[in-house]
Amino acid sequence: MNLVLKIVFVIVIGLIIYGFYNNSVNVGHGEKFIGFGVLIFAFVFMPLFIYHRYKDKDLSKYRLFQNRNEDKKDR
């Protein structure tokens, strides 16, 4: 998973850099590559990264209302 994240990150950075370079050479043509880079970052890289970071963690201690059910029983 770590290798996949690195590869996707390099692809995203490469697309964005190529888009900026292409936009400076041919005005208006690099915006597609910048857009694809941002879309891949938002919809592919970030979900994979979040899954990779939290796949073996106990997320119950990060809940906002930990004792919500217990509080309702007391009332």
PDB file of N, CA and C in Angstrom:
ATOM      1  N   MET A   1       0.831  -1.190   0.000  1.00  0.00           N
ATOM      2  CA  MET A   1       0.000   0.000   0.000  1.00  0.00           C
ATOM      3  C   MET A   1       0.879   1.258   0.000  1.00  0.00           C
ATOM      4  N   ASN A   2       1.990   1.166   0.727  1.00  0.00           N
ATOM      5  CA  ASN A   2       2.875   2.319   0.802  1.00  0.00           C
ATOM      6  C   ASN A   2       3.464   2.646  -0.577  1.00  0.00           C
ATOM      7  N   LEU A   3       3.802   1.618  -1.346  1.00  0.00           N
ATOM      8  CA  LEU A   3       4.338   1.821  -2.685  1.00  0.00           C
ATOM      9  C   LEU A   3       3.282   2.430  -3.610  1.00  0.00           C
ATOM     10  N   VAL A   4       2.052   1.973  -3.486  1.00  0.00           N
ATOM     11  CA  VAL A   4       0.959   2.519  -4.307  1.00  0.00           C
ATOM     12  C   VAL A   4       0.747   3.994  -3.997  1.00  0.00           C
ATOM     13  N   LEU A   5       0.799   4.359  -2.727  1.00  0.00           N
ATOM     14  CA  LEU A   5       0.637   5.760  -2.347  1.00  0.00           C
ATOM     15  C   LEU A   5       1.761   6.617  -2.921  1.00  0.00           C
ATOM     16  N   LYS A   6       2.966   6.118  -2.876  1.00  0.00           N
ATOM     17  CA  LYS A   6       4.096   6.876  -3.428  1.00  0.00           C
ATOM     18  C   LYS A   6       3.965   7.049  -4.930  1.00  0.00           C
ATOM     19  N   ILE A   7       3.535   6.002  -5.624  1.00  0.00           N
ATOM     20  CA  ILE A   7       3.383   6.086  -7.079  1.00  0.00           C
ATOM     21  C   ILE A   7       2.277   7.071  -7.452  1.00  0.00           C
ATOM     22  N   VAL A   8       1.147   6.993  -6.777  1.00  0.00           N
ATOM     23  CA  VAL A   8       0.039   7.914  -7.077  1.00  0.00           C
ATOM     24  C   VAL A   8       0.448   9.347  -6.750  1.00  0.00           C
ATOM     25  N   PHE A   9       1.186   9.541  -5.663  1.00  0.00           N
ATOM     26  CA  PHE A   9       1.636  10.889  -5.307  1.00  0.00           C
ATOM     27  C   PHE A   9       2.577  11.457  -6.364  1.00  0.00           C
ATOM     28  N   VAL A  10       3.499  10.639  -6.859  1.00  0.00           N
ATOM     29  CA  VAL A  10       4.410  11.104  -7.904  1.00  0.00           C
ATOM     30  C   VAL A  10       3.650  11.430  -9.185  1.00  0.00           C
ATOM     31  N   ILE A  11       2.656  10.619  -9.518  1.00  0.00           N
ATOM     32  CA  ILE A  11       1.838  10.891 -10.711  1.00  0.00           C
ATOM     33  C   ILE A  11       1.094  12.209 -10.562  1.00  0.00           C
ATOM     34  N   VAL A  12       0.516  12.440  -9.386  1.00  0.00           N
ATOM     35  CA  VAL A  12      -0.235  13.684  -9.148  1.00  0.00           C
ATOM     36  C   VAL A  12       0.682  14.893  -9.244  1.00  0.00           C
ATOM     37  N   ILE A  13       1.820  14.824  -8.580  1.00  0.00           N
ATOM     38  CA  ILE A  13       2.763  15.957  -8.620  1.00  0.00           C
ATOM     39  C   ILE A  13       3.269  16.159 -10.047  1.00  0.00           C
ATOM     40  N   GLY A  14       3.539  15.073 -10.759  1.00  0.00           N
ATOM     41  CA  GLY A  14       3.988  15.182 -12.146  1.00  0.00           C
ATOM     42  C   GLY A  14       2.947  15.828 -13.042  1.00  0.00           C
ATOM     43  N   LEU A  15       1.687  15.448 -12.875  1.00  0.00           N
ATOM     44  CA  LEU A  15       0.623  16.063 -13.679  1.00  0.00           C
ATOM     45  C   LEU A  15       0.492  17.557 -13.395  1.00  0.00           C
ATOM     46  N   ILE A  16       0.570  17.922 -12.136  1.00  0.00           N
ATOM     47  CA  ILE A  16       0.419  19.339 -11.785  1.00  0.00           C
ATOM     48  C   ILE A  16       1.603  20.153 -12.297  1.00  0.00           C
ATOM     49  N   ILE A  17       2.814  19.628 -12.126  1.00  0.00           N
ATOM     50  CA  ILE A  17       3.995  20.357 -12.614  1.00  0.00           C
ATOM     51  C   ILE A  17       3.971  20.459 -14.133  1.00  0.00           C
ATOM     52  N   TYR A  18       3.628  19.355 -14.812  1.00  0.00           N
ATOM     53  CA  TYR A  18       3.536  19.397 -16.266  1.00  0.00           C
ATOM     54  C   TYR A  18       2.447  20.371 -16.712  1.00  0.00           C
ATOM     55  N   GLY A  19       1.365  20.432 -15.986  1.00  0.00           N
ATOM     56  CA  GLY A  19       0.298  21.378 -16.322  1.00  0.00           C
ATOM     57  C   GLY A  19       0.752  22.816 -16.199  1.00  0.00           C
ATOM     58  N   PHE A  20       1.483  23.127 -15.128  1.00  0.00           N
ATOM     59  CA  PHE A  20       1.999  24.499 -14.988  1.00  0.00           C
ATOM     60  C   PHE A  20       3.013  24.819 -16.078  1.00  0.00           C
ATOM     61  N   TYR A  21       3.882  23.845 -16.391  1.00  0.00           N
ATOM     62  CA  TYR A  21       4.857  24.063 -17.461  1.00  0.00           C
ATOM     63  C   TYR A  21       4.156  24.252 -18.802  1.00  0.00           C
ATOM     64  N   ASN A  22       3.202  23.390 -19.097  1.00  0.00           N
ATOM     65  CA  ASN A  22       2.482  23.476 -20.361  1.00  0.00           C
ATOM     66  C   ASN A  22       1.650  24.751 -20.431  1.00  0.00           C
ATOM     67  N   ASN A  23       1.148  25.198 -19.307  1.00  0.00           N
ATOM     68  CA  ASN A  23       0.366  26.437 -19.292  1.00  0.00           C
ATOM     69  C   ASN A  23       1.254  27.656 -19.548  1.00  0.00           C
ATOM     70  N   SER A  24       2.515  27.581 -19.135  1.00  0.00           N
ATOM     71  CA  SER A  24       3.408  28.712 -19.398  1.00  0.00           C
ATOM     72  C   SER A  24       3.865  28.744 -20.853  1.00  0.00           C
ATOM     73  N   VAL A  25       3.967  27.563 -21.488  1.00  0.00           N
ATOM     74  CA  VAL A  25       4.383  27.496 -22.884  1.00  0.00           C
ATOM     75  C   VAL A  25       3.194  27.745 -23.811  1.00  0.00           C
ATOM     76  N   ASN A  26       2.122  26.997 -23.634  1.00  0.00           N
ATOM     77  CA  ASN A  26       0.903  27.143 -24.428  1.00  0.00           C
ATOM     78  C   ASN A  26      -0.205  27.576 -23.479  1.00  0.00           C
ATOM     79  N   VAL A  27      -0.537  28.829 -23.515  1.00  0.00           N
ATOM     80  CA  VAL A  27      -1.498  29.375 -22.561  1.00  0.00           C
ATOM     81  C   VAL A  27      -2.850  28.688 -22.730  1.00  0.00           C
ATOM     82  N   GLY A  28      -3.356  28.128 -21.631  1.00  0.00           N
ATOM     83  CA  GLY A  28      -4.673  27.515 -21.626  1.00  0.00           C
ATOM     84  C   GLY A  28      -4.692  26.015 -21.830  1.00  0.00           C
ATOM     85  N   HIS A  29      -3.574  25.418 -22.232  1.00  0.00           N
ATOM     86  CA  HIS A  29      -3.560  23.973 -22.486  1.00  0.00           C
ATOM     87  C   HIS A  29      -3.149  23.164 -21.267  1.00  0.00           C
ATOM     88  N   GLY A  30      -2.545  23.773 -20.284  1.00  0.00           N
ATOM     89  CA  GLY A  30      -2.091  23.035 -19.115  1.00  0.00           C
ATOM     90  C   GLY A  30      -3.141  22.876 -18.041  1.00  0.00           C
ATOM     91  N   GLU A  31      -4.235  23.570 -18.180  1.00  0.00           N
ATOM     92  CA  GLU A  31      -5.270  23.531 -17.142  1.00  0.00           C
ATOM     93  C   GLU A  31      -5.918  22.152 -17.044  1.00  0.00           C
ATOM     94  N   LYS A  32      -5.960  21.407 -18.126  1.00  0.00           N
ATOM     95  CA  LYS A  32      -6.498  20.042 -18.086  1.00  0.00           C
ATOM     96  C   LYS A  32      -5.640  19.153 -17.196  1.00  0.00           C
ATOM     97  N   PHE A  33      -4.332  19.262 -17.331  1.00  0.00           N
ATOM     98  CA  PHE A  33      -3.435  18.424 -16.553  1.00  0.00           C
ATOM     99  C   PHE A  33      -3.468  18.804 -15.071  1.00  0.00           C
ATOM    100  N   ILE A  34      -3.555  20.082 -14.792  1.00  0.00           N
ATOM    101  CA  ILE A  34      -3.681  20.530 -13.397  1.00  0.00           C
ATOM    102  C   ILE A  34      -4.984  20.011 -12.808  1.00  0.00           C
ATOM    103  N   GLY A  35      -6.054  20.085 -13.563  1.00  0.00           N
ATOM    104  CA  GLY A  35      -7.356  19.598 -13.105  1.00  0.00           C
ATOM    105  C   GLY A  35      -7.359  18.099 -12.864  1.00  0.00           C
ATOM    106  N   PHE A  36      -6.771  17.337 -13.781  1.00  0.00           N
ATOM    107  CA  PHE A  36      -6.687  15.884 -13.587  1.00  0.00           C
ATOM    108  C   PHE A  36      -5.837  15.543 -12.369  1.00  0.00           C
ATOM    109  N   GLY A  37      -4.753  16.296 -12.169  1.00  0.00           N
ATOM    110  CA  GLY A  37      -3.908  16.069 -11.004  1.00  0.00           C
ATOM    111  C   GLY A  37      -4.654  16.320  -9.702  1.00  0.00           C
ATOM    112  N   VAL A  38      -5.421  17.380  -9.658  1.00  0.00           N
ATOM    113  CA  VAL A  38      -6.198  17.696  -8.456  1.00  0.00           C
ATOM    114  C   VAL A  38      -7.305  16.669  -8.240  1.00  0.00           C
ATOM    115  N   LEU A  39      -7.963  16.247  -9.308  1.00  0.00           N
ATOM    116  CA  LEU A  39      -9.017  15.233  -9.175  1.00  0.00           C
ATOM    117  C   LEU A  39      -8.461  13.898  -8.682  1.00  0.00           C
ATOM    118  N   ILE A  40      -7.336  13.481  -9.231  1.00  0.00           N
ATOM    119  CA  ILE A  40      -6.720  12.236  -8.772  1.00  0.00           C
ATOM    120  C   ILE A  40      -6.292  12.366  -7.323  1.00  0.00           C
ATOM    121  N   PHE A  41      -5.771  13.532  -6.957  1.00  0.00           N
ATOM    122  CA  PHE A  41      -5.375  13.753  -5.571  1.00  0.00           C
ATOM    123  C   PHE A  41      -6.574  13.660  -4.638  1.00  0.00           C
ATOM    124  N   ALA A  42      -7.678  14.282  -5.024  1.00  0.00           N
ATOM    125  CA  ALA A  42      -8.840  14.343  -4.135  1.00  0.00           C
ATOM    126  C   ALA A  42      -9.610  13.032  -4.072  1.00  0.00           C
ATOM    127  N   PHE A  43      -9.748  12.328  -5.196  1.00  0.00           N
ATOM    128  CA  PHE A  43     -10.625  11.165  -5.227  1.00  0.00           C
ATOM    129  C   PHE A  43      -9.904   9.820  -5.224  1.00  0.00           C
ATOM    130  N   VAL A  44      -8.588   9.811  -5.400  1.00  0.00           N
ATOM    131  CA  VAL A  44      -7.840   8.552  -5.377  1.00  0.00           C
ATOM    132  C   VAL A  44      -6.822   8.561  -4.240  1.00  0.00           C
ATOM    133  N   PHE A  45      -5.953   9.575  -4.234  1.00  0.00           N
ATOM    134  CA  PHE A  45      -4.862   9.587  -3.258  1.00  0.00           C
ATOM    135  C   PHE A  45      -5.360   9.772  -1.824  1.00  0.00           C
ATOM    136  N   MET A  46      -6.216  10.747  -1.589  1.00  0.00           N
ATOM    137  CA  MET A  46      -6.654  11.015  -0.212  1.00  0.00           C
ATOM    138  C   MET A  46      -7.436   9.858   0.405  1.00  0.00           C
ATOM    139  N   PRO A  47      -8.390   9.215  -0.287  1.00  0.00           N
ATOM    140  CA  PRO A  47      -9.040   8.049   0.333  1.00  0.00           C
ATOM    141  C   PRO A  47      -8.071   6.902   0.609  1.00  0.00           C
ATOM    142  N   LEU A  48      -7.134   6.643  -0.317  1.00  0.00           N
ATOM    143  CA  LEU A  48      -6.142   5.604  -0.065  1.00  0.00           C
ATOM    144  C   LEU A  48      -5.261   5.949   1.130  1.00  0.00           C
ATOM    145  N   PHE A  49      -4.867   7.207   1.226  1.00  0.00           N
ATOM    146  CA  PHE A  49      -4.015   7.641   2.331  1.00  0.00           C
ATOM    147  C   PHE A  49      -4.754   7.531   3.654  1.00  0.00           C
ATOM    148  N   ILE A  50      -6.000   7.958   3.703  1.00  0.00           N
ATOM    149  CA  ILE A  50      -6.778   7.880   4.940  1.00  0.00           C
ATOM    150  C   ILE A  50      -7.006   6.436   5.337  1.00  0.00           C
ATOM    151  N   TYR A  51      -7.312   5.570   4.380  1.00  0.00           N
ATOM    152  CA  TYR A  51      -7.478   4.150   4.681  1.00  0.00           C
ATOM    153  C   TYR A  51      -6.174   3.551   5.206  1.00  0.00           C
ATOM    154  N   HIS A  52      -5.065   3.897   4.579  1.00  0.00           N
ATOM    155  CA  HIS A  52      -3.763   3.366   4.995  1.00  0.00           C
ATOM    156  C   HIS A  52      -3.406   3.794   6.412  1.00  0.00           C
ATOM    157  N   ARG A  53      -3.715   5.025   6.771  1.00  0.00           N
ATOM    158  CA  ARG A  53      -3.350   5.537   8.087  1.00  0.00           C
ATOM    159  C   ARG A  53      -4.233   4.998   9.211  1.00  0.00           C
ATOM    160  N   TYR A  54      -5.505   4.737   8.923  1.00  0.00           N
ATOM    161  CA  TYR A  54      -6.445   4.371   9.986  1.00  0.00           C
ATOM    162  C   TYR A  54      -6.937   2.931   9.927  1.00  0.00           C
ATOM    163  N   LYS A  55      -6.317   2.055   9.135  1.00  0.00           N
ATOM    164  CA  LYS A  55      -6.870   0.719   8.963  1.00  0.00           C
ATOM    165  C   LYS A  55      -6.734  -0.157  10.197  1.00  0.00           C
ATOM    166  N   ASP A  56      -5.740   0.027  11.049  1.00  0.00           N
ATOM    167  CA  ASP A  56      -5.563  -0.808  12.238  1.00  0.00           C
ATOM    168  C   ASP A  56      -5.728  -0.022  13.533  1.00  0.00           C
ATOM    169  N   LYS A  57      -6.351   1.119  13.487  1.00  0.00           N
ATOM    170  CA  LYS A  57      -6.496   1.964  14.669  1.00  0.00           C
ATOM    171  C   LYS A  57      -7.860   1.741  15.325  1.00  0.00           C
ATOM    172  N   ASP A  58      -7.901   1.981  16.629  1.00  0.00           N
ATOM    173  CA  ASP A  58      -9.158   1.950  17.366  1.00  0.00           C
ATOM    174  C   ASP A  58      -9.743   3.361  17.344  1.00  0.00           C
ATOM    175  N   LEU A  59     -10.732   3.566  16.508  1.00  0.00           N
ATOM    176  CA  LEU A  59     -11.289   4.907  16.317  1.00  0.00           C
ATOM    177  C   LEU A  59     -12.369   5.239  17.328  1.00  0.00           C
ATOM    178  N   SER A  60     -12.712   4.329  18.215  1.00  0.00           N
ATOM    179  CA  SER A  60     -13.775   4.603  19.172  1.00  0.00           C
ATOM    180  C   SER A  60     -13.363   5.654  20.195  1.00  0.00           C
ATOM    181  N   LYS A  61     -12.084   5.825  20.445  1.00  0.00           N
ATOM    182  CA  LYS A  61     -11.661   6.838  21.414  1.00  0.00           C
ATOM    183  C   LYS A  61     -11.624   8.239  20.818  1.00  0.00           C
ATOM    184  N   TYR A  62     -11.835   8.367  19.500  1.00  0.00           N
ATOM    185  CA  TYR A  62     -11.858   9.668  18.849  1.00  0.00           C
ATOM    186  C   TYR A  62     -13.266  10.176  18.575  1.00  0.00           C
ATOM    187  N   ARG A  63     -14.277   9.503  19.096  1.00  0.00           N
ATOM    188  CA  ARG A  63     -15.655   9.933  18.884  1.00  0.00           C
ATOM    189  C   ARG A  63     -15.933  11.213  19.649  1.00  0.00           C
ATOM    190  N   LEU A  64     -16.795  12.037  19.104  1.00  0.00           N
ATOM    191  CA  LEU A  64     -17.126  13.303  19.740  1.00  0.00           C
ATOM    192  C   LEU A  64     -17.980  13.079  20.980  1.00  0.00           C
ATOM    193  N   PHE A  65     -18.991  12.237  20.877  1.00  0.00           N
ATOM    194  CA  PHE A  65     -19.858  11.928  22.004  1.00  0.00           C
ATOM    195  C   PHE A  65     -19.628  10.470  22.403  1.00  0.00           C
ATOM    196  N   GLN A  66     -18.686  10.244  23.299  1.00  0.00           N
ATOM    197  CA  GLN A  66     -18.334   8.878  23.660  1.00  0.00           C
ATOM    198  C   GLN A  66     -19.392   8.221  24.530  1.00  0.00           C
ATOM    199  N   ASN A  67     -19.981   8.956  25.416  1.00  0.00           N
ATOM    200  CA  ASN A  67     -20.926   8.388  26.365  1.00  0.00           C
ATOM    201  C   ASN A  67     -22.350   8.812  26.058  1.00  0.00           C
ATOM    202  N   ARG A  68     -22.673   8.994  24.825  1.00  0.00           N
ATOM    203  CA  ARG A  68     -23.985   9.500  24.452  1.00  0.00           C
ATOM    204  C   ARG A  68     -25.096   8.529  24.839  1.00  0.00           C
ATOM    205  N   ASN A  69     -24.925   7.237  24.591  1.00  0.00           N
ATOM    206  CA  ASN A  69     -25.954   6.255  24.935  1.00  0.00           C
ATOM    207  C   ASN A  69     -26.096   6.116  26.447  1.00  0.00           C
ATOM    208  N   GLU A  70     -24.990   6.196  27.159  1.00  0.00           N
ATOM    209  CA  GLU A  70     -25.045   6.091  28.615  1.00  0.00           C
ATOM    210  C   GLU A  70     -25.747   7.307  29.228  1.00  0.00           C
ATOM    211  N   ASP A  71     -25.534   8.490  28.639  1.00  0.00           N
ATOM    212  CA  ASP A  71     -26.191   9.700  29.142  1.00  0.00           C
ATOM    213  C   ASP A  71     -27.705   9.634  28.932  1.00  0.00           C
ATOM    214  N   LYS A  72     -28.155   9.050  27.838  1.00  0.00           N
ATOM    215  CA  LYS A  72     -29.582   8.949  27.577  1.00  0.00           C
ATOM    216  C   LYS A  72     -30.258   7.973  28.534  1.00  0.00           C
ATOM    217  N   LYS A  73     -29.544   6.922  28.944  1.00  0.00           N
ATOM    218  CA  LYS A  73     -30.115   5.962  29.880  1.00  0.00           C
ATOM    219  C   LYS A  73     -30.283   6.560  31.267  1.00  0.00           C
ATOM    220  N   ASP A  74     -29.386   7.496  31.642  1.00  0.00           N
ATOM    221  CA  ASP A  74     -29.457   8.109  32.965  1.00  0.00           C
ATOM    222  C   ASP A  74     -30.602   9.096  33.091  1.00  0.00           C
ATOM    223  N   ARG A  75     -31.079   9.638  32.006  1.00  0.00           N
ATOM    224  CA  ARG A  75     -32.119  10.675  32.058  1.00  0.00           C
ATOM    225  C   ARG A  75     -33.467  10.125  32.230  1.00  0.00           C
TER     226      ARG A  75
END
